[in-house]
Structures are given as structure tokens and as C-alpha cells.
Amino acid sequence: MKKLCMQKRNFAATILSAAGGVLLFLGICMCLLPRWNTFALGLIMGGIGSLVLLVMAPVWRGMENTTPIRLNARTVGLTLMGVTGAMGLGACMVMAWIPWMLATIISAAM
């Protein structure tokens, strides 16, 4: 019977992605909640989380012995389009639809 164990590259990717994700999403929450009054600190924490996630990709690809990602105009453009679309539209929908949905639920309950 073959013994299953986690390889070093998978463990490193798991730790880096978990740490980067927690920092990024905690920073986003800090920015979106005005009661906390921690917008600037949220930007810093979200930036650190983004940096950890960006560093994770080349580190993991190096451990996998694969070729590095070639940056060209198409790759950068598609990445920027995806990030701005997800963050911009997602933030707008959260801020615009949650109060509307709460009002609908409360009025329907009455």
C-alpha cells in the first residue's frame, strides 16, 4: 500500500495561499466597514495580502520546475481586466444590493 504524504511544494503553496487570502480579505473587510474606522490600515493589509499571493505564483512554479509565466501585453491586460471587473463590480453590487435586499426582507416580514 502506497503511503500518501503532502509534498513540500504543495505544503508551501497551501500555507502561502492561506496566509495571503486571510490578509487580503481581512483588509477588504476593514476597508468596507466604516464603523471600524480602519480604512488606511485595511489598504495596507490588503496590499500585503495581494503581495503574498503574487509572490506565491512564481515560488510555486519554481518548486514545480515549470517555465515562468511570460508577461506580455495580453496577459497583463487580461489580468487587469479580471481584477478590476471582479473587485469593482463585486464591491458595487455588495454595497448597492445588500441594503436593498434587507429593506425588501424587512418589509416582506411586516
C-alpha atoms as a PDB file:
ATOM      1  CA  MET A   1       0.000   0.000   0.000  1.00  0.00           C
ATOM      2  CA  LYS A   2       1.372   3.383  -1.005  1.00  0.00           C
ATOM      3  CA  LYS A   3       1.776   5.919   1.789  1.00  0.00           C
ATOM      4  CA  LEU A   4       0.223   9.289   0.950  1.00  0.00           C
ATOM      5  CA  CYS A   5       2.001  12.369   2.212  1.00  0.00           C
ATOM      6  CA  MET A   6       1.948  16.020   1.284  1.00  0.00           C
ATOM      7  CA  GLN A   7       4.846  17.154  -0.832  1.00  0.00           C
ATOM      8  CA  LYS A   8       6.904  20.175   0.157  1.00  0.00           C
ATOM      9  CA  ARG A   9       5.736  22.263  -2.820  1.00  0.00           C
ATOM     10  CA  ASN A  10       2.056  21.635  -2.083  1.00  0.00           C
ATOM     11  CA  PHE A  11       2.521  22.460   1.591  1.00  0.00           C
ATOM     12  CA  ALA A  12       4.305  25.724   0.781  1.00  0.00           C
ATOM     13  CA  ALA A  13       1.591  26.708  -1.694  1.00  0.00           C
ATOM     14  CA  THR A  14      -1.131  25.903   0.851  1.00  0.00           C
ATOM     15  CA  ILE A  15       0.492  27.973   3.597  1.00  0.00           C
ATOM     16  CA  LEU A  16       1.223  30.948   1.322  1.00  0.00           C
ATOM     17  CA  SER A  17      -2.237  30.977  -0.235  1.00  0.00           C
ATOM     18  CA  ALA A  18      -3.980  30.683   3.132  1.00  0.00           C
ATOM     19  CA  ALA A  19      -1.919  33.490   4.679  1.00  0.00           C
ATOM     20  CA  GLY A  20      -2.287  35.730   1.628  1.00  0.00           C
ATOM     21  CA  GLY A  21      -6.017  35.093   1.379  1.00  0.00           C
ATOM     22  CA  VAL A  22      -6.638  35.836   5.049  1.00  0.00           C
ATOM     23  CA  LEU A  23      -4.649  39.079   4.887  1.00  0.00           C
ATOM     24  CA  LEU A  24      -6.322  40.180   1.652  1.00  0.00           C
ATOM     25  CA  PHE A  25      -9.880  39.511   2.774  1.00  0.00           C
ATOM     26  CA  LEU A  26      -9.348  40.951   6.252  1.00  0.00           C
ATOM     27  CA  GLY A  27      -8.018  44.096   4.574  1.00  0.00           C
ATOM     28  CA  ILE A  28     -11.061  44.235   2.310  1.00  0.00           C
ATOM     29  CA  CYS A  29     -13.389  43.876   5.303  1.00  0.00           C
ATOM     30  CA  MET A  30     -11.539  46.616   7.156  1.00  0.00           C
ATOM     31  CA  CYS A  31     -11.973  48.936   4.177  1.00  0.00           C
ATOM     32  CA  LEU A  32     -15.669  48.212   3.687  1.00  0.00           C
ATOM     33  CA  LEU A  33     -16.806  48.632   7.289  1.00  0.00           C
ATOM     34  CA  PRO A  34     -16.902  52.335   8.184  1.00  0.00           C
ATOM     35  CA  ARG A  35     -17.636  51.642  11.868  1.00  0.00           C
ATOM     36  CA  TRP A  36     -14.168  50.174  12.318  1.00  0.00           C
ATOM     37  CA  ASN A  37     -12.561  53.412  11.075  1.00  0.00           C
ATOM     38  CA  THR A  38      -9.576  51.438   9.730  1.00  0.00           C
ATOM     39  CA  PHE A  39      -9.658  52.236   6.021  1.00  0.00           C
ATOM     40  CA  ALA A  40      -5.952  53.097   5.742  1.00  0.00           C
ATOM     41  CA  LEU A  41      -4.876  50.044   7.737  1.00  0.00           C
ATOM     42  CA  GLY A  42      -7.192  47.907   5.596  1.00  0.00           C
ATOM     43  CA  LEU A  43      -5.494  49.169   2.447  1.00  0.00           C
ATOM     44  CA  ILE A  44      -2.101  48.269   3.872  1.00  0.00           C
ATOM     45  CA  MET A  45      -3.238  44.817   4.995  1.00  0.00           C
ATOM     46  CA  GLY A  46      -4.972  44.111   1.675  1.00  0.00           C
ATOM     47  CA  GLY A  47      -1.849  45.206  -0.180  1.00  0.00           C
ATOM     48  CA  ILE A  48       0.312  42.858   1.892  1.00  0.00           C
ATOM     49  CA  GLY A  49      -2.103  40.003   1.214  1.00  0.00           C
ATOM     50  CA  SER A  50      -2.064  40.749  -2.507  1.00  0.00           C
ATOM     51  CA  LEU A  51       1.728  40.840  -2.446  1.00  0.00           C
ATOM     52  CA  VAL A  52       1.896  37.457  -0.697  1.00  0.00           C
ATOM     53  CA  LEU A  53      -0.446  35.957  -3.290  1.00  0.00           C
ATOM     54  CA  LEU A  54       1.574  37.482  -6.144  1.00  0.00           C
ATOM     55  CA  VAL A  55       4.835  36.120  -4.697  1.00  0.00           C
ATOM     56  CA  MET A  56       3.235  32.696  -4.268  1.00  0.00           C
ATOM     57  CA  ALA A  57       2.805  32.097  -8.007  1.00  0.00           C
ATOM     58  CA  PRO A  58       6.477  32.243  -9.052  1.00  0.00           C
ATOM     59  CA  VAL A  59       7.576  30.399  -5.900  1.00  0.00           C
ATOM     60  CA  TRP A  60       5.170  27.550  -6.592  1.00  0.00           C
ATOM     61  CA  ARG A  61       6.038  27.411 -10.284  1.00  0.00           C
ATOM     62  CA  GLY A  62       9.733  27.262  -9.337  1.00  0.00           C
ATOM     63  CA  MET A  63       9.091  24.359  -6.990  1.00  0.00           C
ATOM     64  CA  GLU A  64       7.156  22.561  -9.740  1.00  0.00           C
ATOM     65  CA  ASN A  65      10.072  23.082 -12.181  1.00  0.00           C
ATOM     66  CA  THR A  66       7.786  24.652 -14.777  1.00  0.00           C
ATOM     67  CA  THR A  67       8.534  27.565 -17.049  1.00  0.00           C
ATOM     68  CA  PRO A  68       7.848  31.015 -15.616  1.00  0.00           C
ATOM     69  CA  ILE A  69       4.844  32.988 -16.779  1.00  0.00           C
ATOM     70  CA  ARG A  70       5.752  35.250 -19.688  1.00  0.00           C
ATOM     71  CA  LEU A  71       4.416  38.742 -19.189  1.00  0.00           C
ATOM     72  CA  ASN A  72       3.182  40.300 -22.393  1.00  0.00           C
ATOM     73  CA  ALA A  73       0.571  42.948 -23.090  1.00  0.00           C
ATOM     74  CA  ARG A  74      -2.237  40.402 -23.496  1.00  0.00           C
ATOM     75  CA  THR A  75      -1.539  38.659 -20.169  1.00  0.00           C
ATOM     76  CA  VAL A  76      -1.272  41.944 -18.252  1.00  0.00           C
ATOM     77  CA  GLY A  77      -4.408  43.331 -19.922  1.00  0.00           C
ATOM     78  CA  LEU A  78      -6.498  40.248 -19.193  1.00  0.00           C
ATOM     79  CA  THR A  79      -5.300  40.155 -15.588  1.00  0.00           C
ATOM     80  CA  LEU A  80      -6.107  43.822 -15.025  1.00  0.00           C
ATOM     81  CA  MET A  81      -9.496  43.430 -16.671  1.00  0.00           C
ATOM     82  CA  GLY A  82     -10.341  40.458 -14.456  1.00  0.00           C
ATOM     83  CA  VAL A  83      -9.173  42.102 -11.241  1.00  0.00           C
ATOM     84  CA  THR A  84     -10.902  45.424 -11.868  1.00  0.00           C
ATOM     85  CA  GLY A  85     -14.064  43.689 -13.014  1.00  0.00           C
ATOM     86  CA  ALA A  86     -14.219  41.382 -10.029  1.00  0.00           C
ATOM     87  CA  MET A  87     -13.325  43.981  -7.431  1.00  0.00           C
ATOM     88  CA  GLY A  88     -15.172  46.927  -8.920  1.00  0.00           C
ATOM     89  CA  LEU A  89     -18.379  45.177  -9.872  1.00  0.00           C
ATOM     90  CA  GLY A  90     -18.317  42.972  -6.779  1.00  0.00           C
ATOM     91  CA  ALA A  91     -17.880  45.915  -4.420  1.00  0.00           C
ATOM     92  CA  CYS A  92     -20.604  47.902  -6.182  1.00  0.00           C
ATOM     93  CA  MET A  93     -23.040  45.012  -6.059  1.00  0.00           C
ATOM     94  CA  VAL A  94     -22.360  44.350  -2.376  1.00  0.00           C
ATOM     95  CA  MET A  95     -22.755  47.995  -1.397  1.00  0.00           C
ATOM     96  CA  ALA A  96     -25.807  48.578  -3.604  1.00  0.00           C
ATOM     97  CA  TRP A  97     -27.776  45.335  -3.251  1.00  0.00           C
ATOM     98  CA  ILE A  98     -27.413  44.410   0.431  1.00  0.00           C
ATOM     99  CA  PRO A  99     -29.359  47.437   1.768  1.00  0.00           C
ATOM    100  CA  TRP A 100     -31.998  46.897  -0.917  1.00  0.00           C
ATOM    101  CA  MET A 101     -32.313  43.212  -0.047  1.00  0.00           C
ATOM    102  CA  LEU A 102     -32.527  43.981   3.675  1.00  0.00           C
ATOM    103  CA  ALA A 103     -35.283  46.529   3.077  1.00  0.00           C
ATOM    104  CA  THR A 104     -37.205  44.013   0.967  1.00  0.00           C
ATOM    105  CA  ILE A 105     -36.890  41.267   3.573  1.00  0.00           C
ATOM    106  CA  ILE A 106     -37.883  43.544   6.436  1.00  0.00           C
ATOM    107  CA  SER A 107     -40.869  44.976   4.564  1.00  0.00           C
ATOM    108  CA  ALA A 108     -41.992  41.499   3.497  1.00  0.00           C
ATOM    109  CA  ALA A 109     -41.796  40.296   7.099  1.00  0.00           C
ATOM    110  CA  MET A 110     -44.044  43.127   8.279  1.00  0.00           C
END
